[in-house]
Amino acid sequence: MTADLTSQQQDQLDAAVFRRLLNHLDAYKEVQNIDLMILAGFCRNCFSKWYKAAADDMGVAVSDDEARERVYGMPYATWKEKHQKPATPEQLAAFEARKIK
């Protein structure tokens, strides 16, 4: 942590980066969750679970659906219908190979 930042400034920077990451994911809807899992080890679903866990830690009532909607920018079912494609055999193989490591 940078010593020159106050706790409030650090929180503001963290929040700004969070919003920028959400905007970036939203701008690249064609990137499938399985692609993110293969390359980065996390996906939008993971991100929404972390959001929910953080809310739980803070004692803030956020449902799983609300957390997913925050991350996806729309109800999860809508996002899946509009943007999620079936995983290809190649994606599934790469995902399985990553899990073995």
Protein backbone atom coordinates (compact mmCIF):
# COMPACT_ATOMS: atom_id res chain seq x y z
CA MET A 1 0.00 0.00 0.00
CA THR A 2 1.26 3.44 -0.79
CA ALA A 3 2.18 5.22 2.42
CA ASP A 4 1.10 8.61 1.09
CA LEU A 5 -2.53 7.59 0.63
CA THR A 6 -5.14 7.83 3.32
CA SER A 7 -7.44 4.88 3.88
CA GLN A 8 -10.25 6.88 2.28
CA GLN A 9 -8.14 7.66 -0.79
CA GLN A 10 -7.18 3.99 -1.13
CA ASP A 11 -10.86 2.99 -0.91
CA GLN A 12 -11.76 5.60 -3.55
CA LEU A 13 -9.02 4.33 -5.87
CA ASP A 14 -10.07 0.72 -5.32
CA ALA A 15 -13.69 1.63 -6.10
CA ALA A 16 -12.66 3.50 -9.26
CA VAL A 17 -10.65 0.51 -10.47
CA PHE A 18 -13.57 -1.81 -9.68
CA ARG A 19 -15.91 0.34 -11.77
CA ARG A 20 -13.37 0.48 -14.60
CA LEU A 21 -13.02 -3.32 -14.57
CA LEU A 22 -16.81 -3.71 -14.72
CA ASN A 23 -16.93 -1.27 -17.65
CA HIS A 24 -14.14 -3.15 -19.39
CA LEU A 25 -15.90 -6.50 -18.98
CA ASP A 26 -19.11 -4.90 -20.21
CA ALA A 27 -17.36 -3.55 -23.30
CA TYR A 28 -16.07 -7.03 -24.18
CA LYS A 29 -19.17 -9.16 -23.85
CA GLU A 30 -17.85 -11.40 -26.61
CA VAL A 31 -15.23 -12.67 -24.17
CA GLN A 32 -16.90 -15.72 -22.72
CA ASN A 33 -16.60 -16.68 -19.06
CA ILE A 34 -14.86 -19.91 -20.01
CA ASP A 35 -12.21 -17.85 -21.84
CA LEU A 36 -11.65 -15.80 -18.70
CA MET A 37 -11.41 -18.96 -16.61
CA ILE A 38 -8.88 -20.49 -18.99
CA LEU A 39 -6.69 -17.39 -19.12
CA ALA A 40 -7.14 -15.75 -15.73
CA GLY A 41 -8.61 -18.37 -13.41
CA PHE A 42 -11.70 -16.27 -12.69
CA CYS A 43 -14.78 -15.13 -14.55
CA ARG A 44 -17.71 -12.79 -14.15
CA ASN A 45 -19.46 -15.37 -11.96
CA CYS A 46 -16.43 -15.56 -9.66
CA PHE A 47 -16.37 -11.79 -9.52
CA SER A 48 -20.03 -11.65 -8.49
CA LYS A 49 -19.38 -14.24 -5.76
CA TRP A 50 -16.52 -12.10 -4.43
CA TYR A 51 -18.84 -9.09 -4.48
CA LYS A 52 -21.45 -11.00 -2.48
CA ALA A 53 -18.83 -12.28 -0.02
CA ALA A 54 -17.56 -8.74 0.55
CA ALA A 55 -21.11 -7.55 1.17
CA ASP A 56 -21.64 -10.41 3.62
CA ASP A 57 -18.40 -9.50 5.42
CA MET A 58 -19.67 -5.93 5.76
CA GLY A 59 -23.10 -7.05 6.95
CA VAL A 60 -24.74 -5.59 3.84
CA ALA A 61 -27.70 -7.51 2.43
CA VAL A 62 -26.90 -8.33 -1.21
CA SER A 63 -28.45 -11.37 -2.86
CA ASP A 64 -26.62 -13.61 -5.31
CA ASP A 65 -28.85 -12.25 -8.09
CA GLU A 66 -28.12 -8.64 -7.11
CA ALA A 67 -24.38 -9.33 -7.09
CA ARG A 68 -24.56 -10.94 -10.53
CA GLU A 69 -26.60 -8.05 -11.88
CA ARG A 70 -23.99 -5.59 -10.57
CA VAL A 71 -21.22 -7.47 -12.36
CA TYR A 72 -23.12 -8.30 -15.56
CA GLY A 73 -24.92 -4.95 -15.80
CA MET A 74 -28.22 -6.75 -16.32
CA PRO A 75 -30.03 -9.77 -14.92
CA TYR A 76 -27.86 -12.84 -15.35
CA ALA A 77 -30.53 -14.70 -17.33
CA THR A 78 -30.71 -11.80 -19.79
CA TRP A 79 -26.92 -11.72 -20.18
CA LYS A 80 -26.80 -15.46 -20.79
CA GLU A 81 -29.57 -15.24 -23.39
CA LYS A 82 -27.95 -12.33 -25.24
CA HIS A 83 -24.24 -13.04 -24.91
CA GLN A 84 -23.34 -16.52 -23.69
CA LYS A 85 -22.46 -19.08 -26.31
CA PRO A 86 -22.03 -22.80 -25.79
CA ALA A 87 -18.45 -23.73 -24.99
CA THR A 88 -16.57 -25.25 -27.88
CA PRO A 89 -14.80 -28.59 -27.54
CA GLU A 90 -11.50 -26.67 -27.67
CA GLN A 91 -12.55 -24.37 -24.83
CA LEU A 92 -13.70 -27.30 -22.71
CA ALA A 93 -10.40 -29.12 -23.31
CA ALA A 94 -8.36 -26.03 -22.40
CA PHE A 95 -10.47 -25.52 -19.27
CA GLU A 96 -9.95 -29.13 -18.20
CA ALA A 97 -6.21 -28.90 -18.90
CA ARG A 98 -5.99 -25.76 -16.74
CA LYS A 99 -7.75 -27.48 -13.84
CA ILE A 100 -5.13 -30.26 -13.82
CA LYS A 101 -2.25 -27.85 -13.20
